[in-house]
């Protein structure tokens, strides 16, 4: 055993190892003055001291490097935070900038969303050729009085009838109590001389024949529906009058349907 003085301070070559594990091969040794506590120093036959430790004792010895320079990040810091001990005064400015950027992004996003929705809705609207068929212009001078002419409009037959004064007076004298689908003649025409109806029977969608039937208007030979000169159902299985489409008269000689 060595003396207490030798136990307090010992100049030796040492390395850091975990407790209970044999030290590996040391690439280099460092000579330091160590203060070793709770370590038993034993003499081996060749006279070199050996340090051993128990589980509660020191597990490893570390050496602190004091020659490393601390990096200087002053060039990357804002002027308001150069001093670590001073209070930052640039927080409000950074908040204003953040709010401005968020607001600008929100406005840009709103305009982008509006444009996207507009293009999407436009793609669902009718094309130019469909819009061209939406309206039809008819020259009324080509239709003689007392005759009915058929046109094609939106894939359906369109009946344009130039009524005589006798037909007008006859249809206006019909009592509404006699009608299955009560409508006066004034409700079905914009001008008394012109009747505009869609030529599709309201029973099963057949196309009636103009200037035929028991009432001198239209007759559907498929199931025997009779319409008068105002397009109202008077006899047969059809439940409703012939449909009157939206139409206008820009002048005395022109009719626009649609």
C-alpha atoms as a PDB file:
ATOM      1  CA  UNK A   1       0.000   0.000   0.000  1.00  0.00           C
ATOM      2  CA  UNK A   2       1.108   3.592  -0.703  1.00  0.00           C
ATOM      3  CA  UNK A   3       0.951   6.558   1.622  1.00  0.00           C
ATOM      4  CA  UNK A   4      -1.893   9.037   1.943  1.00  0.00           C
ATOM      5  CA  UNK A   5       0.136  11.679   0.099  1.00  0.00           C
ATOM      6  CA  UNK A   6       0.615   9.377  -2.867  1.00  0.00           C
ATOM      7  CA  UNK A   7      -3.071   8.567  -2.780  1.00  0.00           C
ATOM      8  CA  UNK A   8      -4.049  12.256  -2.876  1.00  0.00           C
ATOM      9  CA  UNK A   9      -1.980  13.191  -5.907  1.00  0.00           C
ATOM     10  CA  UNK A  10      -0.608  10.788  -8.442  1.00  0.00           C
ATOM     11  CA  UNK A  11       1.148  11.519 -11.690  1.00  0.00           C
ATOM     12  CA  UNK A  12       0.250   8.753 -14.100  1.00  0.00           C
ATOM     13  CA  UNK A  13      -0.830   7.953 -17.607  1.00  0.00           C
ATOM     14  CA  UNK A  14      -4.578   7.365 -17.693  1.00  0.00           C
ATOM     15  CA  UNK A  15      -7.564   6.988 -20.015  1.00  0.00           C
ATOM     16  CA  UNK A  16     -11.368   7.173 -19.506  1.00  0.00           C
ATOM     17  CA  UNK A  17     -13.046   3.778 -19.322  1.00  0.00           C
ATOM     18  CA  UNK A  18     -16.482   2.621 -18.189  1.00  0.00           C
ATOM     19  CA  UNK A  19     -16.684   0.863 -14.838  1.00  0.00           C
ATOM     20  CA  UNK A  20     -16.327  -2.914 -14.991  1.00  0.00           C
ATOM     21  CA  UNK A  21     -15.051  -2.944 -18.600  1.00  0.00           C
ATOM     22  CA  UNK A  22     -11.421  -3.527 -19.513  1.00  0.00           C
ATOM     23  CA  UNK A  23      -9.749  -0.630 -21.274  1.00  0.00           C
ATOM     24  CA  UNK A  24      -8.903  -1.025 -24.920  1.00  0.00           C
ATOM     25  CA  UNK A  25      -5.688  -0.194 -26.596  1.00  0.00           C
ATOM     26  CA  UNK A  26      -4.807   3.464 -26.021  1.00  0.00           C
ATOM     27  CA  UNK A  27      -3.520   5.356 -29.074  1.00  0.00           C
ATOM     28  CA  UNK A  28      -1.746   7.905 -26.902  1.00  0.00           C
ATOM     29  CA  UNK A  29      -1.320   8.643 -23.242  1.00  0.00           C
ATOM     30  CA  UNK A  30      -1.630  11.995 -21.480  1.00  0.00           C
ATOM     31  CA  UNK A  31       0.267  12.865 -18.341  1.00  0.00           C
ATOM     32  CA  UNK A  32      -1.879  14.786 -15.862  1.00  0.00           C
ATOM     33  CA  UNK A  33      -2.065  15.451 -12.115  1.00  0.00           C
ATOM     34  CA  UNK A  34      -5.132  13.643 -10.833  1.00  0.00           C
ATOM     35  CA  UNK A  35      -6.974  13.705  -7.555  1.00  0.00           C
ATOM     36  CA  UNK A  36      -8.301  10.199  -7.074  1.00  0.00           C
ATOM     37  CA  UNK A  37     -10.862   9.446  -4.431  1.00  0.00           C
ATOM     38  CA  UNK A  38     -12.184   6.061  -3.350  1.00  0.00           C
ATOM     39  CA  UNK A  39      -9.630   4.223  -5.493  1.00  0.00           C
ATOM     40  CA  UNK A  40      -7.400   1.556  -4.102  1.00  0.00           C
ATOM     41  CA  UNK A  41      -3.825   1.725  -5.346  1.00  0.00           C
ATOM     42  CA  UNK A  42      -1.998  -1.566  -5.338  1.00  0.00           C
ATOM     43  CA  UNK A  43       1.593  -2.436  -6.036  1.00  0.00           C
ATOM     44  CA  UNK A  44       2.327  -5.030  -8.628  1.00  0.00           C
ATOM     45  CA  UNK A  45       5.593  -6.937  -8.680  1.00  0.00           C
ATOM     46  CA  UNK A  46       7.323  -4.563 -11.145  1.00  0.00           C
ATOM     47  CA  UNK A  47       6.625  -1.560  -8.904  1.00  0.00           C
ATOM     48  CA  UNK A  48       4.057   0.253 -11.222  1.00  0.00           C
ATOM     49  CA  UNK A  49       0.880   1.428  -9.393  1.00  0.00           C
ATOM     50  CA  UNK A  50      -2.459   0.172 -10.682  1.00  0.00           C
ATOM     51  CA  UNK A  51      -5.860   1.807 -10.083  1.00  0.00           C
ATOM     52  CA  UNK A  52      -8.910  -0.334  -9.491  1.00  0.00           C
ATOM     53  CA  UNK A  53     -12.421   0.718  -8.597  1.00  0.00           C
ATOM     54  CA  UNK A  54     -15.629  -0.848  -7.354  1.00  0.00           C
ATOM     55  CA  UNK A  55     -19.139  -0.286  -8.755  1.00  0.00           C
ATOM     56  CA  UNK A  56     -19.978   2.605  -6.352  1.00  0.00           C
ATOM     57  CA  UNK A  57     -16.681   4.305  -7.218  1.00  0.00           C
ATOM     58  CA  UNK A  58     -15.611   6.511 -10.063  1.00  0.00           C
ATOM     59  CA  UNK A  59     -16.730   5.106 -13.413  1.00  0.00           C
ATOM     60  CA  UNK A  60     -14.711   7.342 -15.726  1.00  0.00           C
ATOM     61  CA  UNK A  61     -12.410  10.339 -15.802  1.00  0.00           C
ATOM     62  CA  UNK A  62     -12.902  13.148 -18.313  1.00  0.00           C
ATOM     63  CA  UNK A  63     -10.617  15.901 -19.459  1.00  0.00           C
ATOM     64  CA  UNK A  64     -12.146  19.312 -20.417  1.00  0.00           C
ATOM     65  CA  UNK A  65     -10.814  21.034 -23.518  1.00  0.00           C
ATOM     66  CA  UNK A  66     -10.337  24.742 -22.825  1.00  0.00           C
ATOM     67  CA  UNK A  67      -8.581  25.604 -26.072  1.00  0.00           C
ATOM     68  CA  UNK A  68     -11.737  25.573 -28.347  1.00  0.00           C
ATOM     69  CA  UNK A  69     -12.869  28.980 -29.666  1.00  0.00           C
ATOM     70  CA  UNK A  70     -16.575  29.848 -29.376  1.00  0.00           C
ATOM     71  CA  UNK A  71     -18.064  30.717 -32.841  1.00  0.00           C
ATOM     72  CA  UNK A  72     -19.048  34.340 -33.328  1.00  0.00           C
ATOM     73  CA  UNK A  73     -22.504  34.755 -34.930  1.00  0.00           C
ATOM     74  CA  UNK A  74     -22.638  38.533 -34.616  1.00  0.00           C
ATOM     75  CA  UNK A  75     -22.719  38.985 -38.379  1.00  0.00           C
ATOM     76  CA  UNK A  76     -25.933  36.932 -38.575  1.00  0.00           C
ATOM     77  CA  UNK A  77     -27.796  38.660 -35.740  1.00  0.00           C
ATOM     78  CA  UNK A  78     -30.100  41.624 -36.010  1.00  0.00           C
ATOM     79  CA  UNK A  79     -28.875  44.883 -34.597  1.00  0.00           C
ATOM     80  CA  UNK A  80     -31.587  44.802 -31.954  1.00  0.00           C
ATOM     81  CA  UNK A  81     -30.338  41.516 -30.509  1.00  0.00           C
ATOM     82  CA  UNK A  82     -26.558  41.979 -30.722  1.00  0.00           C
ATOM     83  CA  UNK A  83     -26.291  42.218 -26.981  1.00  0.00           C
ATOM     84  CA  UNK A  84     -27.454  39.110 -25.189  1.00  0.00           C
ATOM     85  CA  UNK A  85     -28.209  41.060 -22.005  1.00  0.00           C
ATOM     86  CA  UNK A  86     -30.406  43.711 -23.646  1.00  0.00           C
ATOM     87  CA  UNK A  87     -34.141  43.376 -24.283  1.00  0.00           C
ATOM     88  CA  UNK A  88     -35.173  42.890 -27.900  1.00  0.00           C
ATOM     89  CA  UNK A  89     -36.917  45.951 -29.316  1.00  0.00           C
ATOM     90  CA  UNK A  90     -37.556  44.701 -32.859  1.00  0.00           C
ATOM     91  CA  UNK A  91     -40.380  42.280 -32.036  1.00  0.00           C
ATOM     92  CA  UNK A  92     -43.158  44.723 -33.015  1.00  0.00           C
ATOM     93  CA  UNK A  93     -41.554  45.422 -36.368  1.00  0.00           C
ATOM     94  CA  UNK A  94     -41.267  41.709 -37.112  1.00  0.00           C
ATOM     95  CA  UNK A  95     -44.911  41.173 -36.114  1.00  0.00           C
ATOM     96  CA  UNK A  96     -46.023  43.938 -38.470  1.00  0.00           C
ATOM     97  CA  UNK A  97     -44.059  42.375 -41.299  1.00  0.00           C
ATOM     98  CA  UNK A  98     -45.548  38.941 -40.531  1.00  0.00           C
ATOM     99  CA  UNK A  99     -49.095  40.323 -40.464  1.00  0.00           C
ATOM    100  CA  UNK A 100     -48.502  42.153 -43.731  1.00  0.00           C
ATOM    101  CA  UNK A 101     -47.235  38.996 -45.437  1.00  0.00           C
ATOM    102  CA  UNK A 102     -50.155  36.928 -44.113  1.00  0.00           C
ATOM    103  CA  UNK A 103     -52.641  39.562 -45.285  1.00  0.00           C
ATOM    104  CA  UNK A 104     -51.067  39.748 -48.740  1.00  0.00           C
ATOM    105  CA  UNK A 105     -51.133  35.958 -48.997  1.00  0.00           C
ATOM    106  CA  UNK A 106     -54.796  35.847 -47.946  1.00  0.00           C
ATOM    107  CA  UNK A 107     -55.780  38.451 -50.577  1.00  0.00           C
ATOM    108  CA  UNK A 108     -53.843  36.618 -53.272  1.00  0.00           C
ATOM    109  CA  UNK A 109     -55.420  33.312 -52.262  1.00  0.00           C
ATOM    110  CA  UNK A 110     -58.908  34.841 -52.390  1.00  0.00           C
ATOM    111  CA  UNK A 111     -58.361  36.176 -55.924  1.00  0.00           C
ATOM    112  CA  UNK A 112     -56.927  32.828 -57.037  1.00  0.00           C
ATOM    113  CA  UNK A 113     -59.927  30.985 -55.583  1.00  0.00           C
ATOM    114  CA  UNK A 114     -62.324  33.406 -57.283  1.00  0.00           C
ATOM    115  CA  UNK A 115     -60.609  32.897 -60.640  1.00  0.00           C
ATOM    116  CA  UNK A 116     -60.686  29.115 -60.204  1.00  0.00           C
ATOM    117  CA  UNK A 117     -64.393  29.104 -59.363  1.00  0.00           C
ATOM    118  CA  UNK A 118     -65.166  31.427 -62.291  1.00  0.00           C
ATOM    119  CA  UNK A 119     -63.359  29.188 -64.769  1.00  0.00           C
ATOM    120  CA  UNK A 120     -65.031  26.094 -63.295  1.00  0.00           C
ATOM    121  CA  UNK A 121     -68.525  27.595 -63.549  1.00  0.00           C
ATOM    122  CA  UNK A 122     -67.808  28.871 -67.070  1.00  0.00           C
ATOM    123  CA  UNK A 123     -66.799  25.394 -68.159  1.00  0.00           C
ATOM    124  CA  UNK A 124     -70.212  24.107 -67.044  1.00  0.00           C
ATOM    125  CA  UNK A 125     -72.209  26.746 -68.928  1.00  0.00           C
ATOM    126  CA  UNK A 126     -73.664  26.254 -72.382  1.00  0.00           C
ATOM    127  CA  UNK A 127     -71.314  26.421 -75.350  1.00  0.00           C
ATOM    128  CA  UNK A 128     -71.629  28.916 -78.197  1.00  0.00           C
ATOM    129  CA  UNK A 129     -73.460  26.528 -80.512  1.00  0.00           C
ATOM    130  CA  UNK A 130     -75.965  25.663 -77.795  1.00  0.00           C
ATOM    131  CA  UNK A 131     -76.574  29.341 -77.064  1.00  0.00           C
ATOM    132  CA  UNK A 132     -77.131  29.935 -80.763  1.00  0.00           C
ATOM    133  CA  UNK A 133     -79.966  27.404 -80.689  1.00  0.00           C
ATOM    134  CA  UNK A 134     -81.471  28.908 -77.561  1.00  0.00           C
ATOM    135  CA  UNK A 135     -83.338  31.526 -79.594  1.00  0.00           C
ATOM    136  CA  UNK A 136     -84.938  31.446 -82.999  1.00  0.00           C
ATOM    137  CA  UNK A 137     -86.030  34.421 -85.096  1.00  0.00           C
ATOM    138  CA  UNK A 138     -88.988  33.951 -87.385  1.00  0.00           C
ATOM    139  CA  UNK A 139     -90.182  36.202 -90.216  1.00  0.00           C
ATOM    140  CA  UNK A 140     -93.937  36.414 -89.809  1.00  0.00           C
ATOM    141  CA  UNK A 141     -94.641  37.546 -93.373  1.00  0.00           C
ATOM    142  CA  UNK A 142     -93.859  33.998 -94.568  1.00  0.00           C
ATOM    143  CA  UNK A 143     -96.884  32.585 -92.675  1.00  0.00           C
ATOM    144  CA  UNK A 144    -100.251  33.258 -94.376  1.00  0.00           C
ATOM    145  CA  UNK A 145    -103.381  33.883 -92.364  1.00  0.00           C
ATOM    146  CA  UNK A 146    -105.193  30.727 -91.256  1.00  0.00           C
ATOM    147  CA  UNK A 147    -102.112  28.530 -91.613  1.00  0.00           C
ATOM    148  CA  UNK A 148     -99.766  26.875 -89.092  1.00  0.00           C
ATOM    149  CA  UNK A 149     -96.042  26.450 -89.837  1.00  0.00           C
ATOM    150  CA  UNK A 150     -93.699  24.102 -87.984  1.00  0.00           C
ATOM    151  CA  UNK A 151     -90.138  25.102 -87.021  1.00  0.00           C
ATOM    152  CA  UNK A 152     -87.456  23.215 -85.112  1.00  0.00           C
ATOM    153  CA  UNK A 153     -86.398  24.843 -81.833  1.00  0.00           C
ATOM    154  CA  UNK A 154     -84.151  23.210 -79.214  1.00  0.00           C
ATOM    155  CA  UNK A 155     -84.777  19.825 -80.799  1.00  0.00           C
ATOM    156  CA  UNK A 156     -88.575  20.165 -80.557  1.00  0.00           C
ATOM    157  CA  UNK A 157     -91.251  21.091 -83.094  1.00  0.00           C
ATOM    158  CA  UNK A 158     -92.520  24.641 -82.761  1.00  0.00           C
ATOM    159  CA  UNK A 159     -95.982  25.530 -84.075  1.00  0.00           C
ATOM    160  CA  UNK A 160     -96.557  29.126 -85.244  1.00  0.00           C
ATOM    161  CA  UNK A 161    -100.210  29.723 -86.167  1.00  0.00           C
ATOM    162  CA  UNK A 162    -101.514  32.842 -87.929  1.00  0.00           C
ATOM    163  CA  UNK A 163    -105.080  32.944 -86.647  1.00  0.00           C
ATOM    164  CA  UNK A 164    -108.028  34.477 -88.413  1.00  0.00           C
ATOM    165  CA  UNK A 165    -110.448  36.894 -86.778  1.00  0.00           C
ATOM    166  CA  UNK A 166    -113.071  34.129 -86.638  1.00  0.00           C
ATOM    167  CA  UNK A 167    -110.702  31.785 -84.762  1.00  0.00           C
ATOM    168  CA  UNK A 168    -109.823  34.525 -82.315  1.00  0.00           C
ATOM    169  CA  UNK A 169    -113.459  35.285 -81.484  1.00  0.00           C
ATOM    170  CA  UNK A 170    -114.309  31.570 -81.201  1.00  0.00           C
ATOM    171  CA  UNK A 171    -111.521  30.805 -78.750  1.00  0.00           C
ATOM    172  CA  UNK A 172    -112.238  33.832 -76.594  1.00  0.00           C
ATOM    173  CA  UNK A 173    -115.873  32.798 -76.264  1.00  0.00           C
ATOM    174  CA  UNK A 174    -115.066  29.371 -74.749  1.00  0.00           C
ATOM    175  CA  UNK A 175    -116.105  29.189 -71.053  1.00  0.00           C
ATOM    176  CA  UNK A 176    -113.314  28.157 -68.689  1.00  0.00           C
ATOM    177  CA  UNK A 177    -115.658  25.668 -67.031  1.00  0.00           C
ATOM    178  CA  UNK A 178    -115.523  23.521 -70.178  1.00  0.00           C
ATOM    179  CA  UNK A 179    -111.739  23.250 -70.132  1.00  0.00           C
ATOM    180  CA  UNK A 180    -109.752  20.449 -68.530  1.00  0.00           C
ATOM    181  CA  UNK A 181    -106.789  22.763 -68.038  1.00  0.00           C
ATOM    182  CA  UNK A 182    -108.488  26.160 -67.570  1.00  0.00           C
ATOM    183  CA  UNK A 183    -106.691  28.990 -69.368  1.00  0.00           C
ATOM    184  CA  UNK A 184    -108.207  31.925 -71.157  1.00  0.00           C
ATOM    185  CA  UNK A 185    -107.085  32.751 -74.675  1.00  0.00           C
ATOM    186  CA  UNK A 186    -105.588  36.059 -73.497  1.00  0.00           C
ATOM    187  CA  UNK A 187    -103.268  34.148 -71.136  1.00  0.00           C
ATOM    188  CA  UNK A 188    -101.843  32.071 -73.973  1.00  0.00           C
ATOM    189  CA  UNK A 189    -101.105  34.671 -76.654  1.00  0.00           C
ATOM    190  CA  UNK A 190     -99.105  37.913 -76.723  1.00  0.00           C
ATOM    191  CA  UNK A 191    -100.785  39.069 -79.938  1.00  0.00           C
ATOM    192  CA  UNK A 192    -104.271  37.752 -80.766  1.00  0.00           C
ATOM    193  CA  UNK A 193    -103.311  36.930 -84.361  1.00  0.00           C
ATOM    194  CA  UNK A 194    -100.358  34.713 -83.454  1.00  0.00           C
ATOM    195  CA  UNK A 195    -100.360  31.469 -81.463  1.00  0.00           C
ATOM    196  CA  UNK A 196     -96.930  30.082 -80.457  1.00  0.00           C
ATOM    197  CA  UNK A 197     -96.887  26.593 -78.903  1.00  0.00           C
ATOM    198  CA  UNK A 198     -94.505  23.636 -78.654  1.00  0.00           C
ATOM    199  CA  UNK A 199     -95.806  20.823 -80.839  1.00  0.00           C
ATOM    200  CA  UNK A 200     -95.494  18.021 -78.282  1.00  0.00           C
ATOM    201  CA  UNK A 201     -98.604  16.281 -76.991  1.00  0.00           C
ATOM    202  CA  UNK A 202     -98.844  16.462 -73.227  1.00  0.00           C
ATOM    203  CA  UNK A 203    -100.040  12.854 -73.057  1.00  0.00           C
ATOM    204  CA  UNK A 204     -97.063  10.762 -74.220  1.00  0.00           C
ATOM    205  CA  UNK A 205     -94.959  13.245 -76.197  1.00  0.00           C
ATOM    206  CA  UNK A 206     -96.296  12.609 -79.708  1.00  0.00           C
ATOM    207  CA  UNK A 207     -96.404  15.345 -82.374  1.00  0.00           C
ATOM    208  CA  UNK A 208     -99.946  16.520 -83.147  1.00  0.00           C
ATOM    209  CA  UNK A 209    -101.227  17.400 -86.602  1.00  0.00           C
ATOM    210  CA  UNK A 210    -102.031  21.079 -87.233  1.00  0.00           C
ATOM    211  CA  UNK A 211    -105.415  22.274 -88.563  1.00  0.00           C
ATOM    212  CA  UNK A 212    -107.090  18.982 -87.636  1.00  0.00           C
ATOM    213  CA  UNK A 213    -109.329  17.519 -84.960  1.00  0.00           C
ATOM    214  CA  UNK A 214    -112.824  18.217 -83.717  1.00  0.00           C
ATOM    215  CA  UNK A 215    -112.005  21.778 -82.673  1.00  0.00           C
ATOM    216  CA  UNK A 216    -110.005  22.921 -85.684  1.00  0.00           C
ATOM    217  CA  UNK A 217    -106.728  23.288 -83.837  1.00  0.00           C
ATOM    218  CA  UNK A 218    -104.395  20.308 -83.405  1.00  0.00           C
ATOM    219  CA  UNK A 219    -105.016  16.588 -83.324  1.00  0.00           C
ATOM    220  CA  UNK A 220    -102.777  13.813 -81.973  1.00  0.00           C
ATOM    221  CA  UNK A 221    -103.589  10.596 -83.907  1.00  0.00           C
ATOM    222  CA  UNK A 222    -101.607   8.384 -81.548  1.00  0.00           C
ATOM    223  CA  UNK A 223    -104.173   8.439 -78.723  1.00  0.00           C
ATOM    224  CA  UNK A 224    -106.856  10.802 -79.962  1.00  0.00           C
ATOM    225  CA  UNK A 225    -106.148  14.078 -78.135  1.00  0.00           C
ATOM    226  CA  UNK A 226    -107.924  17.134 -79.635  1.00  0.00           C
ATOM    227  CA  UNK A 227    -106.700  20.719 -79.115  1.00  0.00           C
ATOM    228  CA  UNK A 228    -108.423  23.938 -80.161  1.00  0.00           C
ATOM    229  CA  UNK A 229    -106.940  26.913 -82.030  1.00  0.00           C
ATOM    230  CA  UNK A 230    -105.561  28.211 -78.737  1.00  0.00           C
ATOM    231  CA  UNK A 231    -103.649  24.970 -78.066  1.00  0.00           C
ATOM    232  CA  UNK A 232    -105.938  23.957 -75.189  1.00  0.00           C
ATOM    233  CA  UNK A 233    -106.884  20.320 -74.633  1.00  0.00           C
ATOM    234  CA  UNK A 234    -110.576  19.772 -75.351  1.00  0.00           C
ATOM    235  CA  UNK A 235    -110.929  16.037 -75.858  1.00  0.00           C
ATOM    236  CA  UNK A 236    -108.833  12.895 -75.394  1.00  0.00           C
ATOM    237  CA  UNK A 237    -106.381  11.593 -72.773  1.00  0.00           C
ATOM    238  CA  UNK A 238    -103.936  14.528 -72.707  1.00  0.00           C
ATOM    239  CA  UNK A 239    -104.065  16.159 -69.266  1.00  0.00           C
ATOM    240  CA  UNK A 240    -102.625  19.618 -70.082  1.00  0.00           C
ATOM    241  CA  UNK A 241    -102.655  22.289 -72.764  1.00  0.00           C
ATOM    242  CA  UNK A 242     -99.818  22.588 -75.277  1.00  0.00           C
ATOM    243  CA  UNK A 243     -96.871  24.465 -73.779  1.00  0.00           C
ATOM    244  CA  UNK A 244     -96.424  28.120 -74.708  1.00  0.00           C
ATOM    245  CA  UNK A 245     -92.706  29.038 -74.835  1.00  0.00           C
ATOM    246  CA  UNK A 246     -91.321  32.444 -73.986  1.00  0.00           C
ATOM    247  CA  UNK A 247     -91.507  34.693 -77.028  1.00  0.00           C
ATOM    248  CA  UNK A 248     -91.459  38.350 -77.989  1.00  0.00           C
ATOM    249  CA  UNK A 249     -92.352  40.537 -80.981  1.00  0.00           C
ATOM    250  CA  UNK A 250     -89.575  43.107 -81.573  1.00  0.00           C
ATOM    251  CA  UNK A 251     -91.612  44.523 -84.434  1.00  0.00           C
ATOM    252  CA  UNK A 252     -94.758  43.701 -86.411  1.00  0.00           C
ATOM    253  CA  UNK A 253     -92.974  41.377 -88.806  1.00  0.00           C
ATOM    254  CA  UNK A 254     -90.562  39.525 -86.484  1.00  0.00           C
ATOM    255  CA  UNK A 255     -91.012  36.880 -83.795  1.00  0.00           C
ATOM    256  CA  UNK A 256     -88.236  35.789 -81.429  1.00  0.00           C
ATOM    257  CA  UNK A 257     -88.752  32.581 -79.449  1.00  0.00           C
ATOM    258  CA  UNK A 258     -86.527  31.853 -76.446  1.00  0.00           C
END
